[in-house]
N, C-alpha and C. Protein backbone atom coordinates (compact mmCIF):
# COMPACT_ATOMS: atom_id res chain seq x y z
N MET A 1 0.83 -1.19 0.00
CA MET A 1 0.00 0.00 0.00
C MET A 1 0.87 1.25 0.00
N ASP A 2 0.43 2.26 -0.73
CA ASP A 2 1.15 3.53 -0.67
C ASP A 2 0.61 4.36 0.50
N ILE A 3 1.19 5.52 0.71
CA ILE A 3 0.84 6.36 1.87
C ILE A 3 -0.63 6.73 1.86
N ARG A 4 -1.16 7.12 0.72
CA ARG A 4 -2.58 7.50 0.66
C ARG A 4 -3.48 6.32 0.97
N GLN A 5 -3.18 5.15 0.43
CA GLN A 5 -3.97 3.97 0.72
C GLN A 5 -3.92 3.61 2.21
N ASN A 6 -2.74 3.73 2.80
CA ASN A 6 -2.60 3.50 4.24
C ASN A 6 -3.43 4.50 5.02
N ALA A 7 -3.40 5.76 4.62
CA ALA A 7 -4.18 6.79 5.30
C ALA A 7 -5.67 6.47 5.23
N LEU A 8 -6.13 6.06 4.07
CA LEU A 8 -7.54 5.70 3.91
C LEU A 8 -7.90 4.48 4.74
N TRP A 9 -6.97 3.53 4.86
CA TRP A 9 -7.19 2.35 5.70
C TRP A 9 -7.34 2.77 7.16
N VAL A 10 -6.52 3.70 7.62
CA VAL A 10 -6.62 4.19 9.00
C VAL A 10 -7.95 4.90 9.20
N ILE A 11 -8.32 5.77 8.29
CA ILE A 11 -9.56 6.54 8.40
C ILE A 11 -10.79 5.63 8.40
N ASP A 12 -10.69 4.49 7.76
CA ASP A 12 -11.81 3.57 7.61
C ASP A 12 -12.38 3.07 8.94
N THR A 13 -11.57 3.06 9.99
CA THR A 13 -12.02 2.58 11.30
C THR A 13 -11.73 3.65 12.34
N ASP A 14 -12.76 4.06 13.05
CA ASP A 14 -12.59 5.19 13.97
C ASP A 14 -11.57 4.93 15.07
N ARG A 15 -11.43 3.69 15.54
CA ARG A 15 -10.46 3.43 16.61
C ARG A 15 -9.04 3.67 16.11
N ARG A 16 -8.77 3.35 14.85
CA ARG A 16 -7.44 3.60 14.29
C ARG A 16 -7.23 5.10 14.10
N LEU A 17 -8.24 5.80 13.62
CA LEU A 17 -8.13 7.24 13.40
C LEU A 17 -7.91 7.98 14.71
N ILE A 18 -8.70 7.65 15.72
CA ILE A 18 -8.54 8.27 17.04
C ILE A 18 -7.14 8.02 17.58
N THR A 19 -6.67 6.80 17.41
CA THR A 19 -5.36 6.42 17.95
C THR A 19 -4.24 7.17 17.26
N ILE A 20 -4.22 7.20 15.94
CA ILE A 20 -3.11 7.86 15.24
C ILE A 20 -3.16 9.37 15.48
N LYS A 21 -4.35 9.95 15.55
CA LYS A 21 -4.45 11.40 15.79
C LYS A 21 -3.94 11.79 17.17
N ALA A 22 -3.98 10.86 18.12
CA ALA A 22 -3.46 11.15 19.46
C ALA A 22 -1.98 11.49 19.42
N PHE A 23 -1.26 10.99 18.41
CA PHE A 23 0.17 11.28 18.29
C PHE A 23 0.45 12.72 17.87
N ASN A 24 -0.59 13.49 17.56
CA ASN A 24 -0.41 14.93 17.32
C ASN A 24 -0.06 15.66 18.61
N LYS A 25 -0.52 15.11 19.76
CA LYS A 25 -0.32 15.76 21.05
C LYS A 25 0.95 15.31 21.74
N GLU A 26 1.28 14.03 21.62
CA GLU A 26 2.42 13.46 22.32
C GLU A 26 3.21 12.57 21.37
N LYS A 27 4.50 12.45 21.59
CA LYS A 27 5.33 11.59 20.74
C LYS A 27 5.31 10.14 21.19
N ILE A 28 5.22 9.92 22.49
CA ILE A 28 5.20 8.57 23.05
C ILE A 28 3.91 8.42 23.84
N LEU A 29 3.15 7.37 23.52
CA LEU A 29 1.84 7.20 24.14
C LEU A 29 1.66 5.79 24.68
N HIS A 30 0.79 5.70 25.67
CA HIS A 30 0.40 4.44 26.28
C HIS A 30 -1.09 4.24 25.97
N PRO A 31 -1.52 3.02 25.72
CA PRO A 31 -2.93 2.80 25.37
C PRO A 31 -3.92 3.39 26.38
N SER A 32 -3.60 3.33 27.66
CA SER A 32 -4.55 3.84 28.66
C SER A 32 -4.73 5.35 28.56
N GLY A 33 -3.68 6.07 28.21
CA GLY A 33 -3.79 7.52 28.04
C GLY A 33 -4.67 7.89 26.86
N ILE A 34 -4.48 7.18 25.75
CA ILE A 34 -5.31 7.43 24.56
C ILE A 34 -6.77 7.10 24.89
N ALA A 35 -6.98 5.97 25.54
CA ALA A 35 -8.34 5.53 25.88
C ALA A 35 -9.03 6.56 26.78
N LYS A 36 -8.33 7.02 27.81
CA LYS A 36 -8.92 7.98 28.74
C LYS A 36 -9.27 9.29 28.05
N ASP A 37 -8.35 9.80 27.24
CA ASP A 37 -8.58 11.08 26.56
C ASP A 37 -9.73 11.01 25.56
N ASN A 38 -10.02 9.82 25.05
CA ASN A 38 -11.03 9.67 23.99
C ASN A 38 -12.25 8.88 24.43
N HIS A 39 -12.35 8.61 25.74
CA HIS A 39 -13.51 7.90 26.30
C HIS A 39 -13.75 6.56 25.60
N ARG A 40 -12.67 5.82 25.43
CA ARG A 40 -12.70 4.49 24.81
C ARG A 40 -12.16 3.48 25.81
N SER A 41 -12.41 2.21 25.53
CA SER A 41 -11.83 1.18 26.39
C SER A 41 -10.36 0.98 26.01
N ILE A 42 -9.59 0.55 26.98
CA ILE A 42 -8.18 0.26 26.71
C ILE A 42 -8.07 -0.85 25.67
N GLN A 43 -8.97 -1.82 25.73
CA GLN A 43 -8.95 -2.92 24.76
C GLN A 43 -9.16 -2.42 23.34
N ASN A 44 -10.06 -1.46 23.18
CA ASN A 44 -10.34 -0.89 21.86
C ASN A 44 -9.10 -0.20 21.31
N ILE A 45 -8.43 0.59 22.12
CA ILE A 45 -7.23 1.31 21.69
C ILE A 45 -6.07 0.34 21.50
N SER A 46 -5.95 -0.64 22.38
CA SER A 46 -4.88 -1.63 22.23
C SER A 46 -5.02 -2.39 20.93
N ARG A 47 -6.25 -2.71 20.56
CA ARG A 47 -6.47 -3.39 19.27
C ARG A 47 -6.03 -2.50 18.12
N ALA A 48 -6.40 -1.23 18.19
CA ALA A 48 -5.99 -0.29 17.14
C ALA A 48 -4.47 -0.20 17.05
N LEU A 49 -3.81 -0.12 18.20
CA LEU A 49 -2.34 -0.05 18.20
C LEU A 49 -1.73 -1.31 17.61
N HIS A 50 -2.32 -2.45 17.91
CA HIS A 50 -1.83 -3.72 17.35
C HIS A 50 -1.98 -3.71 15.82
N GLU A 51 -3.12 -3.25 15.34
CA GLU A 51 -3.35 -3.17 13.88
C GLU A 51 -2.35 -2.21 13.24
N LEU A 52 -2.15 -1.06 13.88
CA LEU A 52 -1.21 -0.08 13.34
C LEU A 52 0.22 -0.60 13.38
N GLU A 53 0.55 -1.35 14.41
CA GLU A 53 1.90 -1.92 14.52
C GLU A 53 2.13 -2.96 13.43
N GLU A 54 1.13 -3.76 13.14
CA GLU A 54 1.25 -4.77 12.07
C GLU A 54 1.53 -4.12 10.72
N GLN A 55 1.04 -2.90 10.52
CA GLN A 55 1.24 -2.19 9.26
C GLN A 55 2.50 -1.33 9.27
N GLY A 56 3.24 -1.33 10.38
CA GLY A 56 4.47 -0.55 10.47
C GLY A 56 4.23 0.93 10.68
N ILE A 57 3.07 1.29 11.21
CA ILE A 57 2.71 2.69 11.41
C ILE A 57 3.14 3.18 12.79
N VAL A 58 3.02 2.32 13.79
CA VAL A 58 3.52 2.60 15.13
C VAL A 58 4.48 1.49 15.52
N LYS A 59 5.25 1.79 16.57
CA LYS A 59 6.23 0.82 17.05
C LYS A 59 6.22 0.82 18.57
N GLY A 60 6.16 -0.36 19.16
CA GLY A 60 6.31 -0.47 20.61
C GLY A 60 7.76 -0.19 20.96
N ILE A 61 7.98 0.60 22.01
CA ILE A 61 9.36 0.99 22.31
C ILE A 61 9.97 0.21 23.47
N ASP A 62 9.23 -0.75 23.98
CA ASP A 62 9.82 -1.60 25.01
C ASP A 62 9.44 -3.05 24.72
N GLN A 63 10.04 -3.96 25.43
CA GLN A 63 9.84 -5.37 25.15
C GLN A 63 8.67 -5.99 25.91
N LYS A 64 8.02 -5.21 26.75
CA LYS A 64 6.90 -5.73 27.51
C LYS A 64 5.78 -6.15 26.58
N THR A 65 5.01 -7.13 26.99
CA THR A 65 3.83 -7.51 26.21
C THR A 65 2.58 -6.79 26.71
N THR A 66 2.65 -6.28 27.95
CA THR A 66 1.55 -5.48 28.48
C THR A 66 2.09 -4.13 28.91
N TRP A 67 1.24 -3.13 28.93
CA TRP A 67 1.60 -1.78 29.32
C TRP A 67 2.73 -1.19 28.49
N ARG A 68 2.73 -1.53 27.20
CA ARG A 68 3.75 -1.01 26.29
C ARG A 68 3.50 0.46 25.97
N LYS A 69 4.54 1.14 25.60
CA LYS A 69 4.46 2.52 25.10
C LYS A 69 4.75 2.47 23.61
N TYR A 70 4.15 3.40 22.87
CA TYR A 70 4.25 3.40 21.41
C TYR A 70 4.67 4.77 20.89
N LEU A 71 5.29 4.74 19.72
CA LEU A 71 5.59 5.96 18.98
C LEU A 71 5.34 5.72 17.51
N LEU A 72 5.16 6.82 16.78
CA LEU A 72 4.96 6.72 15.34
C LEU A 72 6.28 6.41 14.66
N THR A 73 6.22 5.57 13.64
CA THR A 73 7.38 5.34 12.80
C THR A 73 7.45 6.48 11.77
N ASP A 74 8.50 6.52 10.98
CA ASP A 74 8.56 7.52 9.90
C ASP A 74 7.39 7.35 8.94
N LYS A 75 7.06 6.10 8.65
CA LYS A 75 5.90 5.82 7.80
C LYS A 75 4.63 6.36 8.46
N GLY A 76 4.51 6.17 9.76
CA GLY A 76 3.35 6.66 10.49
C GLY A 76 3.22 8.17 10.45
N LYS A 77 4.34 8.86 10.53
CA LYS A 77 4.33 10.32 10.46
C LYS A 77 3.84 10.79 9.09
N LYS A 78 4.27 10.11 8.05
CA LYS A 78 3.81 10.46 6.69
C LYS A 78 2.32 10.20 6.55
N ILE A 79 1.86 9.09 7.11
CA ILE A 79 0.45 8.75 7.04
C ILE A 79 -0.38 9.75 7.83
N LEU A 80 0.08 10.15 8.99
CA LEU A 80 -0.64 11.14 9.79
C LEU A 80 -0.75 12.47 9.03
N ARG A 81 0.32 12.89 8.37
CA ARG A 81 0.25 14.12 7.56
C ARG A 81 -0.75 13.96 6.43
N GLU A 82 -0.77 12.79 5.79
CA GLU A 82 -1.72 12.55 4.69
C GLU A 82 -3.16 12.55 5.22
N ILE A 83 -3.38 11.98 6.38
CA ILE A 83 -4.72 11.99 6.99
C ILE A 83 -5.17 13.42 7.23
N GLU A 84 -4.30 14.23 7.77
CA GLU A 84 -4.62 15.64 8.01
C GLU A 84 -4.98 16.34 6.71
N ASN A 85 -4.26 16.04 5.62
CA ASN A 85 -4.58 16.62 4.32
C ASN A 85 -5.94 16.17 3.82
N ILE A 86 -6.26 14.90 4.02
CA ILE A 86 -7.52 14.35 3.53
C ILE A 86 -8.71 14.91 4.30
N ILE A 87 -8.59 14.99 5.62
CA ILE A 87 -9.77 15.37 6.42
C ILE A 87 -9.89 16.89 6.63
N SER A 88 -8.89 17.65 6.22
CA SER A 88 -9.00 19.11 6.41
C SER A 88 -9.56 19.81 5.20
């Protein structure tokens, strides 16, 4: 997928869109923080992060399997900029 297709894939599901947009505020995020700020369950946000990680959009920055912290990859930053262009 190219950047635009990836952006459209993210936009297609609100949990992914909410999650990636949270990286506009902070560089490193934890699922519970995103969930709290957006009135979502941690499971919902964790699933979105897992989907985004599978696509190489976010990356877990520690080796833990629970309570991981995430950051955007370079690909993720490009996709976030494309999303902003599409929805603005």
